[in-house]
C-alpha atoms as a PDB file:
ATOM      1  CA  MET A   1      14.546  31.333 -16.336  1.00  0.00           C
ATOM      2  CA  GLY A   2      11.544  31.382 -18.564  1.00  0.00           C
ATOM      3  CA  THR A   3       8.612  28.659 -17.693  1.00  0.00           C
ATOM      4  CA  GLN A   4       8.161  25.631 -20.172  1.00  0.00           C
ATOM      5  CA  GLU A   5       5.095  24.488 -21.451  1.00  0.00           C
ATOM      6  CA  ALA A   6       3.157  22.810 -19.051  1.00  0.00           C
ATOM      7  CA  GLY A   7       2.700  18.919 -19.499  1.00  0.00           C
ATOM      8  CA  PRO A   8       1.842  15.812 -17.670  1.00  0.00           C
ATOM      9  CA  PHE A   9       4.912  17.000 -15.566  1.00  0.00           C
ATOM     10  CA  GLY A  10       4.450  20.106 -15.045  1.00  0.00           C
ATOM     11  CA  ASP A  11       5.518  23.477 -16.510  1.00  0.00           C
ATOM     12  CA  GLY A  12       8.693  23.869 -14.506  1.00  0.00           C
ATOM     13  CA  THR A  13       7.914  26.646 -11.815  1.00  0.00           C
ATOM     14  CA  ALA A  14       8.379  25.973  -8.103  1.00  0.00           C
ATOM     15  CA  MET A  15       5.118  26.017  -7.872  1.00  0.00           C
ATOM     16  CA  SER A  16       4.649  22.863  -9.574  1.00  0.00           C
ATOM     17  CA  ILE A  17       7.385  20.870  -7.518  1.00  0.00           C
ATOM     18  CA  GLY A  18       6.137  22.359  -4.509  1.00  0.00           C
ATOM     19  CA  GLY A  19       2.693  20.991  -5.007  1.00  0.00           C
ATOM     20  CA  ALA A  20       3.953  17.644  -6.199  1.00  0.00           C
ATOM     21  CA  ALA A  21       6.366  17.761  -2.992  1.00  0.00           C
ATOM     22  CA  LEU A  22       3.533  18.136  -0.504  1.00  0.00           C
ATOM     23  CA  LYS A  23       1.630  15.241  -2.012  1.00  0.00           C
ATOM     24  CA  ALA A  24       4.701  13.007  -2.055  1.00  0.00           C
ATOM     25  CA  TRP A  25       5.401  13.944   1.825  1.00  0.00           C
ATOM     26  CA  THR A  26       0.953  13.306   2.689  1.00  0.00           C
ATOM     27  CA  SER A  27       1.419   9.819   1.053  1.00  0.00           C
ATOM     28  CA  ALA A  28       4.483   8.735   2.981  1.00  0.00           C
ATOM     29  CA  SER A  29       3.320   9.704   6.074  1.00  0.00           C
ATOM     30  CA  ARG A  30       0.315   7.315   5.964  1.00  0.00           C
ATOM     31  CA  THR A  31       0.050   4.352   8.119  1.00  0.00           C
ATOM     32  CA  PRO A  32       2.305   1.664   7.511  1.00  0.00           C
ATOM     33  CA  PRO A  33       0.875  -2.114   7.948  1.00  0.00           C
ATOM     34  CA  ALA A  34       1.499  -3.418  10.966  1.00  0.00           C
ATOM     35  CA  PRO A  35       5.049  -5.146  11.583  1.00  0.00           C
ATOM     36  CA  ASP A  36       3.192  -8.592  12.013  1.00  0.00           C
ATOM     37  CA  ARG A  37       2.376  -8.084   8.524  1.00  0.00           C
ATOM     38  CA  PHE A  38       6.177  -8.332   7.377  1.00  0.00           C
ATOM     39  CA  PHE A  39       5.380 -11.932   8.954  1.00  0.00           C
ATOM     40  CA  GLU A  40       4.144 -13.374   5.956  1.00  0.00           C
ATOM     41  CA  GLY A  41       5.841 -14.847   2.973  1.00  0.00           C
ATOM     42  CA  PRO A  42       9.398 -16.500   3.266  1.00  0.00           C
ATOM     43  CA  PRO A  43      12.778 -14.141   4.533  1.00  0.00           C
ATOM     44  CA  LEU A  44      13.881 -12.430   1.631  1.00  0.00           C
ATOM     45  CA  SER A  45      16.433 -14.596  -0.612  1.00  0.00           C
ATOM     46  CA  VAL A  46      19.769 -13.033  -1.634  1.00  0.00           C
ATOM     47  CA  ASP A  47      19.443 -13.726  -5.131  1.00  0.00           C
ATOM     48  CA  TRP A  48      18.028 -10.623  -6.445  1.00  0.00           C
ATOM     49  CA  VAL A  49      21.986  -9.736  -6.408  1.00  0.00           C
ATOM     50  CA  ASP A  50      22.152 -12.444  -9.657  1.00  0.00           C
ATOM     51  CA  HIS A  51      21.464  -9.356 -11.404  1.00  0.00           C
ATOM     52  CA  VAL A  52      22.404  -6.246 -10.324  1.00  0.00           C
ATOM     53  CA  ASP A  53      25.316  -6.045 -13.205  1.00  0.00           C
ATOM     54  CA  THR A  54      22.994  -7.562 -15.925  1.00  0.00           C
ATOM     55  CA  ASP A  55      19.718  -6.503 -15.104  1.00  0.00           C
ATOM     56  CA  PRO A  56      19.403  -3.778 -12.427  1.00  0.00           C
ATOM     57  CA  ILE A  57      15.328  -3.403 -13.233  1.00  0.00           C
ATOM     58  CA  ARG A  58      14.941  -7.233 -12.758  1.00  0.00           C
ATOM     59  CA  ALA A  59      17.047  -7.184  -9.551  1.00  0.00           C
ATOM     60  CA  LEU A  60      14.840  -3.943  -8.100  1.00  0.00           C
ATOM     61  CA  GLU A  61      11.569  -6.413  -8.910  1.00  0.00           C
ATOM     62  CA  MET A  62      12.829  -9.251  -7.068  1.00  0.00           C
ATOM     63  CA  LEU A  63      14.263  -7.334  -4.104  1.00  0.00           C
ATOM     64  CA  VAL A  64      10.825  -5.144  -3.692  1.00  0.00           C
ATOM     65  CA  LEU A  65       8.796  -8.052  -3.614  1.00  0.00           C
ATOM     66  CA  GLY A  66      10.655 -10.477  -1.805  1.00  0.00           C
ATOM     67  CA  TRP A  67      10.814  -7.467   0.644  1.00  0.00           C
ATOM     68  CA  TYR A  68       7.472  -5.751   1.536  1.00  0.00           C
ATOM     69  CA  PRO A  69       4.391  -7.185   1.609  1.00  0.00           C
ATOM     70  CA  ALA A  70       1.217  -7.113  -0.478  1.00  0.00           C
ATOM     71  CA  GLU A  71      -1.162  -4.603   0.831  1.00  0.00           C
ATOM     72  CA  GLU A  72      -4.850  -4.310   0.250  1.00  0.00           C
ATOM     73  CA  THR A  73      -4.496  -0.589  -1.036  1.00  0.00           C
ATOM     74  CA  PRO A  74      -6.522   1.410  -3.189  1.00  0.00           C
ATOM     75  CA  LEU A  75      -4.518   3.120  -6.413  1.00  0.00           C
ATOM     76  CA  ASP A  76      -3.274   6.952  -5.365  1.00  0.00           C
ATOM     77  CA  PRO A  77      -5.470   8.436  -7.780  1.00  0.00           C
ATOM     78  CA  GLU A  78      -2.408  11.434  -8.189  1.00  0.00           C
ATOM     79  CA  ALA A  79       0.133   8.063  -8.982  1.00  0.00           C
ATOM     80  CA  PRO A  80       0.752   8.107 -12.580  1.00  0.00           C
ATOM     81  CA  THR A  81      -1.071   6.255 -15.582  1.00  0.00           C
ATOM     82  CA  ASP A  82       0.185   4.049 -18.165  1.00  0.00           C
ATOM     83  CA  ASP A  83       0.247   6.770 -20.720  1.00  0.00           C
ATOM     84  CA  VAL A  84       2.143   8.626 -18.491  1.00  0.00           C
ATOM     85  CA  LEU A  85       4.686   5.891 -17.024  1.00  0.00           C
ATOM     86  CA  ALA A  86       5.122   5.329 -21.008  1.00  0.00           C
ATOM     87  CA  LEU A  87       7.193   8.527 -21.065  1.00  0.00           C
ATOM     88  CA  LEU A  88       9.460   7.895 -18.401  1.00  0.00           C
ATOM     89  CA  PRO A  89      12.998   5.691 -18.261  1.00  0.00           C
ATOM     90  CA  PRO A  90      12.197   2.197 -17.929  1.00  0.00           C
ATOM     91  CA  SER A  91      13.572   1.891 -14.917  1.00  0.00           C
ATOM     92  CA  LEU A  92      11.888   4.959 -13.493  1.00  0.00           C
ATOM     93  CA  ALA A  93       8.472   3.272 -14.767  1.00  0.00           C
ATOM     94  CA  ALA A  94       9.211  -0.268 -13.078  1.00  0.00           C
ATOM     95  CA  PHE A  95       9.801   1.628  -9.878  1.00  0.00           C
ATOM     96  CA  HIS A  96       5.865   2.670 -10.277  1.00  0.00           C
ATOM     97  CA  ARG A  97       4.442   0.253 -11.626  1.00  0.00           C
ATOM     98  CA  LEU A  98       5.663  -1.844  -8.385  1.00  0.00           C
ATOM     99  CA  ALA A  99       4.424   0.827  -6.348  1.00  0.00           C
ATOM    100  CA  ARG A 100       0.960  -0.481  -7.476  1.00  0.00           C
ATOM    101  CA  VAL A 101       1.415  -3.328  -5.443  1.00  0.00           C
ATOM    102  CA  ARG A 102       3.815  -2.351  -3.548  1.00  0.00           C
ATOM    103  CA  PRO A 103       2.725   0.852  -1.958  1.00  0.00           C
ATOM    104  CA  ALA A 104       5.288   0.667   0.984  1.00  0.00           C
ATOM    105  CA  LEU A 105       7.269   2.413  -1.922  1.00  0.00           C
ATOM    106  CA  TYR A 106       5.212   5.356  -1.628  1.00  0.00           C
ATOM    107  CA  ARG A 107       6.563   5.854   2.129  1.00  0.00           C
ATOM    108  CA  PHE A 108      10.093   6.015   1.864  1.00  0.00           C
ATOM    109  CA  ASN A 109      11.550   8.649   4.656  1.00  0.00           C
ATOM    110  CA  HIS A 110      12.884  10.239   1.621  1.00  0.00           C
ATOM    111  CA  PRO A 111       9.668  10.595  -0.724  1.00  0.00           C
ATOM    112  CA  MET A 112       9.705   9.979  -4.127  1.00  0.00           C
ATOM    113  CA  LEU A 113       7.178  12.139  -5.996  1.00  0.00           C
ATOM    114  CA  LEU A 114       4.009  10.235  -7.212  1.00  0.00           C
ATOM    115  CA  LEU A 115       4.001  12.182 -10.320  1.00  0.00           C
ATOM    116  CA  PRO A 116       7.452  13.547 -11.305  1.00  0.00           C
ATOM    117  CA  ARG A 117       7.788  17.161 -11.769  1.00  0.00           C
ATOM    118  CA  HIS A 118       9.554  18.875 -14.702  1.00  0.00           C
ATOM    119  CA  VAL A 119      11.519  22.224 -13.308  1.00  0.00           C
ATOM    120  CA  ALA A 120      13.827  24.744 -15.099  1.00  0.00           C
ATOM    121  CA  ARG A 121      17.142  25.068 -13.350  1.00  0.00           C
ATOM    122  CA  PRO A 122      20.569  27.057 -14.475  1.00  0.00           C
ATOM    123  CA  ASP A 123      22.219  23.780 -15.736  1.00  0.00           C
ATOM    124  CA  GLY A 124      19.109  22.800 -18.160  1.00  0.00           C
ATOM    125  CA  GLY A 125      15.365  20.880 -17.609  1.00  0.00           C
ATOM    126  CA  ARG A 126      15.326  18.729 -14.732  1.00  0.00           C
ATOM    127  CA  LEU A 127      12.771  16.236 -14.546  1.00  0.00           C
ATOM    128  CA  VAL A 128      12.731  15.640 -10.201  1.00  0.00           C
ATOM    129  CA  PHE A 129      11.885  12.039  -9.054  1.00  0.00           C
ATOM    130  CA  ALA A 130      11.986  12.087  -5.351  1.00  0.00           C
ATOM    131  CA  VAL A 131      12.502  14.758  -2.339  1.00  0.00           C
ATOM    132  CA  GLU A 132      14.650  14.797   0.730  1.00  0.00           C
ATOM    133  CA  ASN A 133      12.171  14.807   4.221  1.00  0.00           C
ATOM    134  CA  GLN A 134      12.918  18.489   4.905  1.00  0.00           C
ATOM    135  CA  GLY A 135      12.950  19.734   1.348  1.00  0.00           C
ATOM    136  CA  CYS A 136      16.497  20.843   1.587  1.00  0.00           C
ATOM    137  CA  ARG A 137      17.562  17.863  -1.387  1.00  0.00           C
ATOM    138  CA  ASP A 138      16.082  16.482  -4.762  1.00  0.00           C
ATOM    139  CA  TRP A 139      17.389  14.171  -7.421  1.00  0.00           C
ATOM    140  CA  CYS A 140      16.348  14.554 -10.695  1.00  0.00           C
ATOM    141  CA  ILE A 141      17.289  13.557 -14.389  1.00  0.00           C
ATOM    142  CA  PRO A 142      18.260  15.577 -17.533  1.00  0.00           C
ATOM    143  CA  TRP A 143      14.877  16.330 -19.011  1.00  0.00           C
ATOM    144  CA  PRO A 144      13.589  16.559 -21.432  1.00  0.00           C
ATOM    145  CA  PRO A 145      15.280  13.988 -23.043  1.00  0.00           C
ATOM    146  CA  GLU A 146      17.483  14.347 -25.979  1.00  0.00           C
ATOM    147  CA  GLY A 147      17.124  11.504 -27.888  1.00  0.00           C
ATOM    148  CA  GLY A 148      20.316   9.728 -27.503  1.00  0.00           C
ATOM    149  CA  PRO A 149      21.174   6.539 -25.836  1.00  0.00           C
ATOM    150  CA  GLY A 150      21.834   8.352 -22.306  1.00  0.00           C
ATOM    151  CA  ASP A 151      17.970   8.829 -22.355  1.00  0.00           C
ATOM    152  CA  ALA A 152      17.112   5.018 -21.498  1.00  0.00           C
ATOM    153  CA  ASP A 153      19.271   5.185 -18.403  1.00  0.00           C
ATOM    154  CA  PRO A 154      20.182   8.745 -17.739  1.00  0.00           C
ATOM    155  CA  PRO A 155      22.336  10.035 -15.193  1.00  0.00           C
ATOM    156  CA  VAL A 156      21.306  11.349 -11.438  1.00  0.00           C
ATOM    157  CA  TRP A 157      21.983  14.146 -10.009  1.00  0.00           C
ATOM    158  CA  LEU A 158      21.430  15.779  -5.922  1.00  0.00           C
ATOM    159  CA  THR A 159      20.631  19.077  -5.836  1.00  0.00           C
ATOM    160  CA  GLU A 160      21.668  20.919  -2.645  1.00  0.00           C
ATOM    161  CA  ASP A 161      18.567  23.146  -1.322  1.00  0.00           C
ATOM    162  CA  PRO A 162      16.578  23.430  -4.638  1.00  0.00           C
ATOM    163  CA  TYR A 163      14.166  25.482  -3.277  1.00  0.00           C
ATOM    164  CA  GLY A 164      15.864  28.395  -1.561  1.00  0.00           C
ATOM    165  CA  ASP A 165      19.081  28.789  -3.729  1.00  0.00           C
ATOM    166  CA  ASP A 166      18.668  30.455  -7.109  1.00  0.00           C
ATOM    167  CA  ASP A 167      21.858  28.638  -8.298  1.00  0.00           C
ATOM    168  CA  PRO A 168      22.091  25.741  -6.377  1.00  0.00           C
ATOM    169  CA  GLU A 169      24.762  23.269  -5.979  1.00  0.00           C
ATOM    170  CA  THR A 170      24.636  19.797  -7.941  1.00  0.00           C
ATOM    171  CA  ILE A 171      26.519  16.806  -7.215  1.00  0.00           C
ATOM    172  CA  LEU A 172      26.606  14.054  -9.936  1.00  0.00           C
ATOM    173  CA  GLU A 173      25.524  10.163  -8.248  1.00  0.00           C
ATOM    174  CA  ALA A 174      28.075   7.516  -9.227  1.00  0.00           C
ATOM    175  CA  GLU A 175      25.660   5.403 -10.958  1.00  0.00           C
ATOM    176  CA  PRO A 176      22.812   5.928 -13.237  1.00  0.00           C
ATOM    177  CA  LEU A 177      19.092   5.792 -12.736  1.00  0.00           C
ATOM    178  CA  SER A 178      18.519   1.890 -12.840  1.00  0.00           C
ATOM    179  CA  ARG A 179      21.252   1.675 -10.631  1.00  0.00           C
ATOM    180  CA  PHE A 180      20.432   4.337  -8.453  1.00  0.00           C
ATOM    181  CA  LEU A 181      16.837   3.474  -7.546  1.00  0.00           C
ATOM    182  CA  LEU A 182      18.622  -0.146  -6.365  1.00  0.00           C
ATOM    183  CA  GLN A 183      20.707   2.378  -4.310  1.00  0.00           C
ATOM    184  CA  PHE A 184      17.676   4.344  -2.780  1.00  0.00           C
ATOM    185  CA  THR A 185      15.207   1.317  -2.184  1.00  0.00           C
ATOM    186  CA  LEU A 186      18.044  -0.195  -0.230  1.00  0.00           C
ATOM    187  CA  ASP A 187      18.703   2.504   1.616  1.00  0.00           C
ATOM    188  CA  GLN A 188      14.568   3.210   2.510  1.00  0.00           C
ATOM    189  CA  ALA A 189      14.044  -0.483   3.029  1.00  0.00           C
ATOM    190  CA  SER A 190      16.961  -1.112   5.592  1.00  0.00           C
ATOM    191  CA  GLY A 191      16.223   2.529   6.942  1.00  0.00           C
ATOM    192  CA  ILE A 192      12.612   2.062   8.298  1.00  0.00           C
ATOM    193  CA  ALA A 193      12.558  -1.630   8.311  1.00  0.00           C
ATOM    194  CA  PRO A 194       9.853  -3.330  11.048  1.00  0.00           C
ATOM    195  CA  TYR A 195      13.498  -4.717  13.032  1.00  0.00           C
ATOM    196  CA  ASN A 196      16.303  -2.787  13.135  1.00  0.00           C
ATOM    197  CA  ALA A 197      19.831  -2.834  14.532  1.00  0.00           C
ATOM    198  CA  TRP A 198      22.557  -0.203  14.351  1.00  0.00           C
ATOM    199  CA  THR A 199      25.901   0.101  15.915  1.00  0.00           C
ATOM    200  CA  TYR A 200      27.942   3.292  17.065  1.00  0.00           C
ATOM    201  CA  VAL A 201      31.309   4.167  15.618  1.00  0.00           C
ATOM    202  CA  MET A 202      34.030   1.200  15.903  1.00  0.00           C
ATOM    203  CA  PRO A 203      37.042   0.070  14.430  1.00  0.00           C
ATOM    204  CA  THR A 204      36.697  -1.495  10.940  1.00  0.00           C
ATOM    205  CA  GLU A 205      38.173  -4.579  12.144  1.00  0.00           C
ATOM    206  CA  ARG A 206      35.256  -5.687  13.912  1.00  0.00           C
ATOM    207  CA  LEU A 207      33.602  -6.021  10.675  1.00  0.00           C
ATOM    208  CA  GLU A 208      35.794  -9.021   9.580  1.00  0.00           C
ATOM    209  CA  PRO A 209      33.574 -11.837  11.127  1.00  0.00           C
ATOM    210  CA  LEU A 210      30.598 -10.368   9.508  1.00  0.00           C
ATOM    211  CA  TRP A 211      32.012 -11.340   5.200  1.00  0.00           C
ATOM    212  CA  SER A 212      31.483 -14.531   5.557  1.00  0.00           C
ATOM    213  CA  SER A 213      27.457 -14.287   6.071  1.00  0.00           C
ATOM    214  CA  LEU A 214      26.567 -11.102   3.886  1.00  0.00           C
ATOM    215  CA  ARG A 215      27.070 -10.371   0.359  1.00  0.00           C
ATOM    216  CA  PRO A 216      28.118  -7.206  -0.800  1.00  0.00           C
ATOM    217  CA  VAL A 217      25.507  -6.100  -3.272  1.00  0.00           C
ATOM    218  CA  PRO A 218      28.164  -4.506  -6.270  1.00  0.00           C
ATOM    219  CA  LEU A 219      27.007  -0.847  -6.929  1.00  0.00           C
ATOM    220  CA  SER A 220      28.778   2.276  -5.830  1.00  0.00           C
ATOM    221  CA  PRO A 221      29.169   3.597  -2.635  1.00  0.00           C
ATOM    222  CA  TYR A 222      25.598   5.609  -2.223  1.00  0.00           C
ATOM    223  CA  MET A 223      25.648   9.939  -1.587  1.00  0.00           C
ATOM    224  CA  PRO A 224      29.635   9.800  -1.091  1.00  0.00           C
ATOM    225  CA  THR A 225      29.747  13.575   0.100  1.00  0.00           C
ATOM    226  CA  TYR A 226      27.981  12.411   3.351  1.00  0.00           C
ATOM    227  CA  GLU A 227      27.697   8.579   4.720  1.00  0.00           C
ATOM    228  CA  GLY A 228      29.415   7.111   1.296  1.00  0.00           C
ATOM    229  CA  HIS A 229      27.794   3.657   2.751  1.00  0.00           C
ATOM    230  CA  LEU A 230      28.012   0.488   0.885  1.00  0.00           C
ATOM    231  CA  PHE A 231      24.975  -1.923   0.384  1.00  0.00           C
ATOM    232  CA  TYR A 232      25.055  -5.774   1.543  1.00  0.00           C
ATOM    233  CA  THR A 233      22.436  -8.591   2.099  1.00  0.00           C
ATOM    234  CA  GLY A 234      21.830 -11.665   3.760  1.00  0.00           C
ATOM    235  CA  PRO A 235      18.808 -14.203   3.998  1.00  0.00           C
ATOM    236  CA  GLY A 236      16.208 -11.657   5.408  1.00  0.00           C
ATOM    237  CA  LEU A 237      18.715  -8.875   5.998  1.00  0.00           C
ATOM    238  CA  LEU A 238      19.652  -5.820   4.150  1.00  0.00           C
ATOM    239  CA  ALA A 239      22.702  -4.072   5.932  1.00  0.00           C
ATOM    240  CA  SER A 240      24.356  -0.339   5.015  1.00  0.00           C
ATOM    241  CA  ILE A 241      28.148  -0.047   5.904  1.00  0.00           C
ATOM    242  CA  SER A 242      30.479   3.177   6.017  1.00  0.00           C
ATOM    243  CA  ALA A 243      34.070   2.420   6.900  1.00  0.00           C
ATOM    244  CA  ASP A 244      37.034   4.313   6.237  1.00  0.00           C
ATOM    245  CA  GLU A 245      40.627   2.296   7.339  1.00  0.00           C
ATOM    246  CA  THR A 246      40.006   2.785  10.932  1.00  0.00           C
ATOM    247  CA  GLU A 247      36.127   3.580  11.747  1.00  0.00           C
ATOM    248  CA  ALA A 248      32.759   1.987  10.496  1.00  0.00           C
ATOM    249  CA  VAL A 249      29.247   2.203  11.200  1.00  0.00           C
ATOM    250  CA  ALA A 250      27.127  -0.507  10.150  1.00  0.00           C
ATOM    251  CA  ALA A 251      23.037  -0.631  10.092  1.00  0.00           C
ATOM    252  CA  PHE A 252      20.976  -4.044  10.037  1.00  0.00           C
ATOM    253  CA  GLY A 253      17.411  -4.071   8.699  1.00  0.00           C
ATOM    254  CA  ALA A 254      14.911  -6.956   9.150  1.00  0.00           C
ATOM    255  CA  ARG A 255      11.893  -7.935   8.730  1.00  0.00           C
ATOM    256  CA  HIS A 256      11.307 -10.644  10.679  1.00  0.00           C
ATOM    257  CA  ARG A 257      12.732  -9.993  14.115  1.00  0.00           C
ATOM    258  CA  GLU A 258      14.688 -13.510  14.528  1.00  0.00           C
ATOM    259  CA  ALA A 259      16.568 -12.471  11.301  1.00  0.00           C
ATOM    260  CA  LEU A 260      18.994 -10.077  13.361  1.00  0.00           C
ATOM    261  CA  ALA A 261      19.258 -12.911  16.070  1.00  0.00           C
ATOM    262  CA  SER A 262      22.360 -13.921  14.742  1.00  0.00           C
ATOM    263  CA  LEU A 263      24.069 -10.781  14.868  1.00  0.00           C
ATOM    264  CA  LYS A 264      24.632 -10.923  18.656  1.00  0.00           C
ATOM    265  CA  ALA A 265      27.035 -13.085  18.342  1.00  0.00           C
ATOM    266  CA  TYR A 266      29.443 -10.460  16.914  1.00  0.00           C
ATOM    267  CA  ASP A 267      28.962  -8.374  20.426  1.00  0.00           C
ATOM    268  CA  PHE A 268      29.132  -5.033  18.817  1.00  0.00           C
ATOM    269  CA  PRO A 269      28.462  -1.477  20.550  1.00  0.00           C
ATOM    270  CA  TRP A 270      24.782  -0.918  19.672  1.00  0.00           C
ATOM    271  CA  ILE A 271      22.847   1.904  20.080  1.00  0.00           C
ATOM    272  CA  ARG A 272      19.713  -0.251  18.569  1.00  0.00           C
ATOM    273  CA  PHE A 273      19.255  -4.062  18.617  1.00  0.00           C
ATOM    274  CA  ASP A 274      15.515  -5.151  18.073  1.00  0.00           C
ATOM    275  CA  ALA A 275      16.103  -8.716  18.462  1.00  0.00           C
END
């Protein structure tokens, strides 16, 4: 595989993406605000779900601004400038602009690269924008843009073992970039929330009482090759549920401890319950 001419997103080499991933992991390991900071402001509204189908970027903005507190944190010098953001698809640029006012977006368990990196792969050029926390997967979009209508909201590829396999397996995500970023943010926001409630495997029918209090987020199953979970939300609450016809697992995240209190009534088999 040949290398590409270096630009703001790198030269297409493994060394280039390796350095960017290391910076992302370093940024993600920074100490988050104390949980008390999450009590600032009202609980997350569910109104953002109204925009998922018509304006996913707006939905992402409402979710992020409603879930994460503002922080007095200087802008990371590695973060992309406005000139660089202008080269990215609108939804990815919007994510990085949000990270300027909500730095928690750079502290995901599976971190977003502060500056996406161009890589050359057997099936063509790719722009990697997020990495799995142990480096065994990454998420990318076709790169450079081809000038077609798909450039504004390109497909997303999950790549398995991208740095140890000369011909890595690639899996097309079900959602285009704008909606995938919503999935990715929901997964990370609920999974590393200040307060959590997680169930053991239980019969799917046990979920039935939940549907009157949770609103489904109209997105495809997230990472169907693995958990394939769907997202739900309630006031101050995010939930991800993986279920088939017989068994289910549910996970809930909250900014405020009391948002989990209503879940006590369901008497689920809890692994963890922070309320």
